[in-house]
Amino acid sequence: MEEMRDVLKPRGTILLLENTRSSNTFLGAYQDWTSETAATLGGKGCIYNQDVYSLISTTEGMSLVSSERIAAGFFTSFVCTKD
């Protein structure tokens, strides 16, 4: 997020489609249980239960404009801007 922020013009917009922890309790638990193994063995480092909301909100100079969960929350689209 910091690198994206650094190359973005002031008030510029970033559109993200990210793997996120599912909003479904059972699917989310499955993701928690398997994410490390999946990332190591076949996911090329993809952490599919990550908390992207926290990544955005803790990046100084970035603001979350909107988000939308897709496919039971397995994916989330984010619109962010540089302050």
Protein backbone atom coordinates (compact mmCIF):
# COMPACT_ATOMS: atom_id res chain seq x y z
CA MET A 1 0.00 0.00 0.00
CA GLU A 2 2.81 2.39 0.82
CA GLU A 3 4.47 1.85 -2.56
CA MET A 4 1.17 2.38 -4.38
CA ARG A 5 0.57 5.53 -2.35
CA ASP A 6 4.04 6.82 -3.18
CA VAL A 7 3.54 6.61 -6.96
CA LEU A 8 -0.03 7.94 -6.92
CA LYS A 9 -0.72 11.60 -7.61
CA PRO A 10 -2.46 13.60 -4.85
CA ARG A 11 -6.20 12.83 -4.82
CA GLY A 12 -5.49 9.96 -7.24
CA THR A 13 -7.50 6.75 -7.10
CA ILE A 14 -6.49 3.11 -6.73
CA LEU A 15 -8.90 0.30 -7.61
CA LEU A 16 -8.13 -3.05 -5.99
CA LEU A 17 -9.67 -6.50 -6.25
CA GLU A 18 -8.25 -8.51 -3.38
CA ASN A 19 -8.62 -11.91 -1.75
CA THR A 20 -10.22 -11.35 1.64
CA ARG A 21 -11.50 -13.48 4.49
CA SER A 22 -15.01 -14.67 3.63
CA SER A 23 -17.96 -13.12 5.41
CA ASN A 24 -19.43 -16.64 5.69
CA THR A 25 -18.44 -18.07 9.09
CA PHE A 26 -17.68 -21.57 7.80
CA LEU A 27 -15.80 -20.45 4.68
CA GLY A 28 -13.82 -17.92 6.74
CA ALA A 29 -12.84 -20.63 9.22
CA TYR A 30 -11.74 -22.86 6.33
CA GLN A 31 -9.63 -20.02 4.93
CA ASP A 32 -8.03 -19.45 8.34
CA TRP A 33 -7.24 -23.14 8.64
CA THR A 34 -5.74 -23.53 5.13
CA SER A 35 -4.33 -20.12 4.18
CA GLU A 36 -0.74 -20.68 5.27
CA THR A 37 -0.49 -24.05 3.53
CA ALA A 38 -2.15 -22.75 0.37
CA ALA A 39 0.14 -19.71 0.22
CA THR A 40 3.23 -21.86 0.70
CA LEU A 41 2.39 -24.79 -1.58
CA GLY A 42 0.47 -23.36 -4.47
CA GLY A 43 -0.70 -19.84 -3.90
CA LYS A 44 2.57 -18.13 -4.80
CA GLY A 45 2.41 -16.21 -1.55
CA CYS A 46 -1.24 -15.21 -1.87
CA ILE A 47 -2.77 -14.90 1.59
CA TYR A 48 -6.45 -15.36 0.87
CA ASN A 49 -7.76 -14.47 4.32
CA GLN A 50 -5.89 -11.20 4.72
CA ASP A 51 -7.42 -8.13 6.31
CA VAL A 52 -7.12 -5.63 3.47
CA TYR A 53 -9.31 -3.14 5.34
CA SER A 54 -6.57 -2.87 7.99
CA LEU A 55 -3.83 -2.60 5.39
CA ILE A 56 -5.60 0.37 3.82
CA SER A 57 -6.64 2.08 7.05
CA THR A 58 -3.16 1.86 8.58
CA THR A 59 -1.41 3.27 5.52
CA GLU A 60 -0.77 6.92 6.25
CA GLY A 61 -2.05 9.19 3.50
CA MET A 62 -4.56 6.66 2.07
CA SER A 63 -8.32 6.69 2.49
CA LEU A 64 -10.89 4.01 1.72
CA VAL A 65 -13.68 5.47 -0.42
CA SER A 66 -15.76 2.33 -0.89
CA SER A 67 -15.65 -1.45 -0.84
CA GLU A 68 -17.86 -4.25 -2.10
CA ARG A 69 -17.72 -7.94 -1.14
CA ILE A 70 -17.93 -10.42 -4.00
CA ALA A 71 -18.38 -14.22 -4.02
CA ALA A 72 -19.31 -14.70 -0.34
CA GLY A 73 -16.56 -12.30 0.63
CA PHE A 74 -13.75 -14.35 -0.95
CA PHE A 75 -12.95 -11.21 -2.92
CA THR A 76 -13.50 -7.56 -2.16
CA SER A 77 -13.19 -4.59 -4.47
CA PHE A 78 -11.74 -1.45 -2.92
CA VAL A 79 -11.59 2.15 -4.10
CA CYS A 80 -8.87 4.12 -2.31
CA THR A 81 -7.53 7.62 -2.70
CA LYS A 82 -4.36 9.39 -1.76
CA ASP A 83 -5.07 12.23 0.68
